[in-house]
Protein backbone atom coordinates (compact mmCIF):
# COMPACT_ATOMS: atom_id res chain seq x y z
CA MET A 1 65.56 -3.33 -29.19
CA SER A 2 67.08 -0.89 -26.68
CA ASP A 3 63.72 0.86 -26.31
CA LYS A 4 62.02 -2.40 -25.41
CA LYS A 5 61.62 -3.78 -21.91
CA GLU A 6 63.37 -7.16 -21.77
CA VAL A 7 61.56 -10.14 -20.26
CA ILE A 8 63.58 -13.35 -19.96
CA ILE A 9 62.17 -16.65 -18.76
CA CYS A 10 64.53 -19.37 -17.60
CA LEU A 11 64.35 -22.42 -19.82
CA GLY A 12 66.85 -24.40 -17.78
CA SER A 13 65.76 -27.94 -17.03
CA SER A 14 64.81 -27.27 -13.40
CA CYS A 15 62.59 -24.25 -14.13
CA PHE A 16 61.15 -25.89 -17.21
CA ALA A 17 60.30 -29.03 -15.24
CA ARG A 18 58.55 -26.84 -12.66
CA GLY A 19 56.12 -25.45 -15.19
CA ASN A 20 57.74 -22.66 -17.14
CA LYS A 21 56.18 -24.02 -20.34
CA LYS A 22 52.77 -22.80 -19.13
CA THR A 23 54.32 -19.55 -17.90
CA VAL A 24 55.77 -18.92 -21.38
CA GLN A 25 52.24 -19.24 -22.76
CA ALA A 26 50.84 -16.89 -20.09
CA ILE A 27 53.47 -14.23 -20.84
CA THR A 28 52.98 -14.52 -24.59
CA THR A 29 49.22 -14.15 -24.18
CA TYR A 30 49.62 -11.17 -21.83
CA ILE A 31 51.92 -9.36 -24.25
CA LYS A 32 49.53 -9.98 -27.14
CA GLU A 33 46.35 -9.04 -25.24
CA HIS A 34 47.91 -5.80 -23.97
CA ASN A 35 49.38 -4.87 -27.37
CA LEU A 36 52.92 -4.83 -25.99
CA ASN A 37 54.67 -6.56 -28.90
CA ASP A 38 56.44 -3.34 -29.89
CA LEU A 39 57.40 -2.53 -26.29
CA VAL A 40 58.58 -5.88 -24.93
CA TYR A 41 61.40 -8.18 -26.01
CA PHE A 42 60.38 -11.57 -24.59
CA HIS A 43 62.69 -14.55 -24.93
CA GLY A 44 63.99 -17.61 -23.15
CA GLY A 45 67.32 -17.82 -21.42
CA HIS A 46 69.46 -20.37 -19.73
CA CYS A 47 69.86 -20.99 -16.03
CA PHE A 48 70.17 -17.99 -13.71
CA GLY A 49 71.80 -20.22 -11.07
CA LEU A 50 68.88 -20.05 -8.66
CA CYS A 51 67.35 -23.43 -9.39
CA ASP A 52 66.10 -23.91 -5.83
CA LYS A 53 64.11 -20.66 -6.12
CA GLY A 54 62.69 -21.25 -9.59
CA PRO A 55 60.92 -20.91 -11.81
CA ILE A 56 62.67 -17.62 -12.56
CA VAL A 57 61.62 -14.71 -14.77
CA LYS A 58 63.75 -11.61 -15.25
CA VAL A 59 62.10 -8.30 -16.17
CA GLY A 60 64.60 -5.58 -16.88
CA LYS A 61 67.24 -6.04 -14.18
CA THR A 62 64.91 -7.64 -11.61
CA LEU A 63 64.68 -11.39 -10.99
CA PHE A 64 61.40 -12.88 -9.84
CA GLU A 65 61.41 -16.23 -8.06
CA ASP A 66 58.76 -18.97 -7.79
CA VAL A 67 56.92 -17.60 -10.82
CA ASP A 68 53.92 -19.47 -12.16
CA PRO A 69 51.30 -18.77 -14.86
CA ILE A 70 49.10 -16.96 -12.32
CA ASN A 71 51.49 -14.72 -10.36
CA VAL A 72 53.47 -13.80 -13.49
CA LEU A 73 50.46 -11.74 -14.58
CA ASP A 74 50.86 -9.54 -11.50
CA VAL A 75 54.59 -9.21 -12.18
CA LEU A 76 53.94 -8.17 -15.78
CA ALA A 77 51.22 -5.69 -14.83
CA LYS A 78 53.51 -4.03 -12.29
CA GLU A 79 56.73 -4.10 -14.31
CA LEU A 80 55.34 -3.22 -17.73
CA GLU A 81 53.06 -0.41 -16.56
CA GLU A 82 53.87 2.81 -18.32
């Protein structure tokens, strides 16, 4: 797993209520369509403590705020580019 880029999506109640369920689907689809399954470790996590800035996605060591199913695609393209 250490070779994989880690992508964590907050599944805390605030982020989840703000639409992270659809963002989970968008990330899963992106990873599959770009054949990144062997390069990305995608999983849910608990609250990052920034509920007022959520939904939150963490890629590597970087937190992204106000993420939705549309803008997460830009985040993934930028952060997972090799």
